Amino acid sequence: MLHYEDEAVGVMSDNDLPMRLTSISLRKTIRVAAGTSVDRVKHLVKVAHRECYIANSLRTEIVITPNGIIVDDSSII
């Protein structure tokens, strides 16, 4: 992985007491090196979410929305 960004949005409902986050949406952008399998990256994202200590500790719905997987063939200096 060359670069990872995650844009998170949390939703709180005024009508659902006690006050809490009712859902969390994560939009991921992942940049990987040329030759990397996009299917493999998607699989690893699913496994990371399934095994995530924080996600497993929350009762809140967490939605993963891929923003993009970018295969980068430029050199890293």
N, C-alpha and C. Protein backbone atom coordinates (compact mmCIF):
# COMPACT_ATOMS: atom_id res chain seq x y z
N MET A 1 0.85 -1.15 0.00
CA MET A 1 0.00 0.00 0.00
C MET A 1 0.90 1.22 0.00
N LEU A 2 0.59 2.16 -0.89
CA LEU A 2 1.36 3.39 -0.97
C LEU A 2 0.72 4.54 -0.19
N HIS A 3 -0.61 4.54 -0.17
CA HIS A 3 -1.31 5.64 0.51
C HIS A 3 -2.71 5.17 0.89
N TYR A 4 -3.19 5.64 2.03
CA TYR A 4 -4.52 5.26 2.51
C TYR A 4 -5.20 6.50 3.07
N GLU A 5 -6.43 6.72 2.68
CA GLU A 5 -7.24 7.81 3.22
C GLU A 5 -8.59 7.24 3.61
N ASP A 6 -9.15 7.75 4.68
CA ASP A 6 -10.46 7.29 5.13
C ASP A 6 -11.27 8.50 5.55
N GLU A 7 -12.37 8.72 4.87
CA GLU A 7 -13.28 9.81 5.21
C GLU A 7 -14.42 9.19 6.02
N ALA A 8 -14.54 9.59 7.28
CA ALA A 8 -15.54 9.00 8.17
C ALA A 8 -16.66 10.00 8.43
N VAL A 9 -17.89 9.49 8.43
CA VAL A 9 -19.07 10.30 8.75
C VAL A 9 -19.88 9.54 9.79
N GLY A 10 -20.18 10.20 10.89
CA GLY A 10 -21.01 9.60 11.93
C GLY A 10 -22.38 10.26 11.94
N VAL A 11 -23.42 9.48 12.22
CA VAL A 11 -24.79 9.99 12.27
C VAL A 11 -25.33 9.80 13.69
N MET A 12 -25.92 10.88 14.22
CA MET A 12 -26.58 10.83 15.52
C MET A 12 -28.03 11.23 15.31
N SER A 13 -28.94 10.48 15.91
CA SER A 13 -30.36 10.78 15.80
C SER A 13 -30.85 11.46 17.07
N ASP A 14 -31.60 12.54 16.92
CA ASP A 14 -32.19 13.22 18.08
C ASP A 14 -33.32 12.38 18.69
N ASN A 15 -33.89 11.47 17.91
CA ASN A 15 -35.06 10.71 18.34
C ASN A 15 -34.73 9.36 18.94
N ASP A 16 -33.47 8.96 18.89
CA ASP A 16 -33.06 7.63 19.35
C ASP A 16 -32.24 7.77 20.63
N LEU A 17 -32.91 7.67 21.78
CA LEU A 17 -32.23 7.85 23.06
C LEU A 17 -31.78 6.52 23.62
N PRO A 18 -30.69 6.44 24.35
CA PRO A 18 -29.83 7.56 24.72
C PRO A 18 -29.05 8.08 23.50
N MET A 19 -28.65 9.35 23.58
CA MET A 19 -27.92 9.98 22.48
C MET A 19 -26.67 9.17 22.16
N ARG A 20 -26.50 8.81 20.92
CA ARG A 20 -25.37 7.98 20.50
C ARG A 20 -25.22 8.05 19.00
N LEU A 21 -24.13 7.56 18.50
CA LEU A 21 -23.97 7.39 17.06
C LEU A 21 -24.83 6.22 16.62
N THR A 22 -25.64 6.43 15.59
CA THR A 22 -26.50 5.36 15.10
C THR A 22 -25.91 4.66 13.88
N SER A 23 -25.00 5.35 13.19
CA SER A 23 -24.29 4.70 12.08
C SER A 23 -22.99 5.46 11.80
N ILE A 24 -22.04 4.72 11.26
CA ILE A 24 -20.76 5.29 10.86
C ILE A 24 -20.50 4.82 9.43
N SER A 25 -20.14 5.75 8.57
CA SER A 25 -19.82 5.42 7.18
C SER A 25 -18.35 5.75 6.94
N LEU A 26 -17.62 4.79 6.41
CA LEU A 26 -16.21 4.97 6.10
C LEU A 26 -16.00 4.90 4.59
N ARG A 27 -15.47 5.97 4.00
CA ARG A 27 -15.17 5.99 2.56
C ARG A 27 -13.66 5.92 2.40
N LYS A 28 -13.19 4.80 1.90
CA LYS A 28 -11.75 4.55 1.79
C LYS A 28 -11.23 4.82 0.38
N THR A 29 -10.06 5.45 0.32
CA THR A 29 -9.31 5.58 -0.92
C THR A 29 -7.95 4.96 -0.66
N ILE A 30 -7.58 3.98 -1.49
CA ILE A 30 -6.34 3.24 -1.28
C ILE A 30 -5.52 3.30 -2.56
N ARG A 31 -4.26 3.70 -2.43
CA ARG A 31 -3.34 3.73 -3.57
C ARG A 31 -2.34 2.60 -3.38
N VAL A 32 -2.22 1.75 -4.40
CA VAL A 32 -1.31 0.60 -4.33
C VAL A 32 -0.36 0.63 -5.52
N ALA A 33 0.71 -0.12 -5.41
CA ALA A 33 1.72 -0.18 -6.45
C ALA A 33 1.19 -0.93 -7.67
N ALA A 34 1.75 -0.60 -8.81
CA ALA A 34 1.41 -1.30 -10.06
C ALA A 34 1.65 -2.79 -9.87
N GLY A 35 0.78 -3.59 -10.45
CA GLY A 35 0.90 -5.04 -10.34
C GLY A 35 0.12 -5.63 -9.17
N THR A 36 -0.45 -4.77 -8.34
CA THR A 36 -1.24 -5.23 -7.20
C THR A 36 -2.63 -5.62 -7.67
N SER A 37 -3.14 -6.73 -7.19
CA SER A 37 -4.47 -7.20 -7.55
C SER A 37 -5.53 -6.39 -6.80
N VAL A 38 -6.41 -5.74 -7.55
CA VAL A 38 -7.50 -4.96 -6.94
C VAL A 38 -8.42 -5.89 -6.15
N ASP A 39 -8.68 -7.09 -6.65
CA ASP A 39 -9.51 -8.05 -5.92
C ASP A 39 -8.87 -8.41 -4.57
N ARG A 40 -7.55 -8.54 -4.55
CA ARG A 40 -6.84 -8.85 -3.31
C ARG A 40 -6.98 -7.70 -2.31
N VAL A 41 -6.87 -6.46 -2.80
CA VAL A 41 -7.02 -5.30 -1.91
C VAL A 41 -8.43 -5.27 -1.33
N LYS A 42 -9.46 -5.50 -2.16
CA LYS A 42 -10.84 -5.52 -1.67
C LYS A 42 -11.02 -6.60 -0.61
N HIS A 43 -10.43 -7.77 -0.85
CA HIS A 43 -10.51 -8.87 0.12
C HIS A 43 -9.86 -8.47 1.45
N LEU A 44 -8.69 -7.84 1.38
CA LEU A 44 -7.98 -7.45 2.60
C LEU A 44 -8.75 -6.38 3.38
N VAL A 45 -9.44 -5.49 2.68
CA VAL A 45 -10.27 -4.47 3.35
C VAL A 45 -11.40 -5.16 4.12
N LYS A 46 -12.04 -6.16 3.50
CA LYS A 46 -13.11 -6.90 4.18
C LYS A 46 -12.59 -7.63 5.42
N VAL A 47 -11.44 -8.28 5.28
CA VAL A 47 -10.86 -9.01 6.41
C VAL A 47 -10.48 -8.03 7.53
N ALA A 48 -9.88 -6.90 7.17
CA ALA A 48 -9.48 -5.91 8.19
C ALA A 48 -10.71 -5.41 8.95
N HIS A 49 -11.81 -5.17 8.25
CA HIS A 49 -13.01 -4.69 8.92
C HIS A 49 -13.59 -5.79 9.83
N ARG A 50 -13.64 -7.00 9.32
CA ARG A 50 -14.19 -8.12 10.10
C ARG A 50 -13.38 -8.36 11.38
N GLU A 51 -12.08 -8.19 11.33
CA GLU A 51 -11.19 -8.47 12.46
C GLU A 51 -10.87 -7.23 13.30
N CYS A 52 -11.44 -6.09 12.96
CA CYS A 52 -11.12 -4.82 13.63
C CYS A 52 -11.63 -4.80 15.08
N TYR A 53 -10.72 -4.60 16.00
CA TYR A 53 -11.05 -4.56 17.43
C TYR A 53 -12.06 -3.45 17.72
N ILE A 54 -11.85 -2.28 17.15
CA ILE A 54 -12.74 -1.14 17.41
C ILE A 54 -14.13 -1.42 16.83
N ALA A 55 -14.20 -1.84 15.57
CA ALA A 55 -15.50 -2.13 14.95
C ALA A 55 -16.24 -3.23 15.71
N ASN A 56 -15.52 -4.22 16.20
CA ASN A 56 -16.15 -5.31 16.94
C ASN A 56 -16.58 -4.89 18.34
N SER A 57 -16.10 -3.75 18.82
CA SER A 57 -16.45 -3.26 20.14
C SER A 57 -17.67 -2.34 20.12
N LEU A 58 -18.12 -1.95 18.94
CA LEU A 58 -19.24 -1.01 18.81
C LEU A 58 -20.53 -1.73 18.48
N ARG A 59 -21.65 -1.19 18.97
CA ARG A 59 -22.96 -1.71 18.59
C ARG A 59 -23.50 -0.96 17.38
N THR A 60 -22.84 0.10 16.99
CA THR A 60 -23.26 0.96 15.89
C THR A 60 -23.00 0.29 14.54
N GLU A 61 -23.92 0.48 13.61
CA GLU A 61 -23.73 -0.02 12.26
C GLU A 61 -22.55 0.72 11.62
N ILE A 62 -21.66 -0.04 10.98
CA ILE A 62 -20.53 0.56 10.27
C ILE A 62 -20.62 0.12 8.82
N VAL A 63 -20.68 1.11 7.92
CA VAL A 63 -20.79 0.84 6.49
C VAL A 63 -19.47 1.22 5.82
N ILE A 64 -18.90 0.29 5.09
CA ILE A 64 -17.67 0.53 4.35
C ILE A 64 -18.03 0.82 2.89
N THR A 65 -17.66 2.00 2.42
CA THR A 65 -17.93 2.37 1.04
C THR A 65 -16.60 2.67 0.36
N PRO A 66 -16.18 1.81 -0.57
CA PRO A 66 -14.92 2.10 -1.23
C PRO A 66 -15.04 3.35 -2.10
N ASN A 67 -14.16 4.28 -1.89
CA ASN A 67 -14.12 5.49 -2.69
C ASN A 67 -13.27 5.23 -3.93
N GLY A 68 -12.29 4.35 -3.82
CA GLY A 68 -11.48 3.99 -4.96
C GLY A 68 -10.22 3.26 -4.56
N ILE A 69 -9.79 2.39 -5.45
CA ILE A 69 -8.49 1.75 -5.33
C ILE A 69 -7.72 2.19 -6.56
N ILE A 70 -6.61 2.88 -6.32
CA ILE A 70 -5.83 3.46 -7.41
C ILE A 70 -4.55 2.67 -7.55
N VAL A 71 -4.32 2.12 -8.74
CA VAL A 71 -3.08 1.41 -9.01
C VAL A 71 -2.11 2.42 -9.58
N ASP A 72 -0.99 2.61 -8.88
CA ASP A 72 -0.02 3.66 -9.20
C ASP A 72 1.23 3.02 -9.77
N ASP A 73 1.59 3.42 -11.00
CA ASP A 73 2.79 2.88 -11.60
C ASP A 73 3.94 3.89 -11.59
N SER A 74 3.76 4.99 -10.85
CA SER A 74 4.84 5.98 -10.76
C SER A 74 5.89 5.54 -9.75
N SER A 75 7.10 6.00 -9.91
CA SER A 75 8.19 5.65 -9.01
C SER A 75 8.04 6.37 -7.69
N ILE A 76 8.48 5.73 -6.64
CA ILE A 76 8.51 6.34 -5.31
C ILE A 76 9.95 6.73 -5.03
N ILE A 77 10.14 7.97 -4.66
CA ILE A 77 11.51 8.45 -4.39
C ILE A 77 11.70 8.60 -2.90
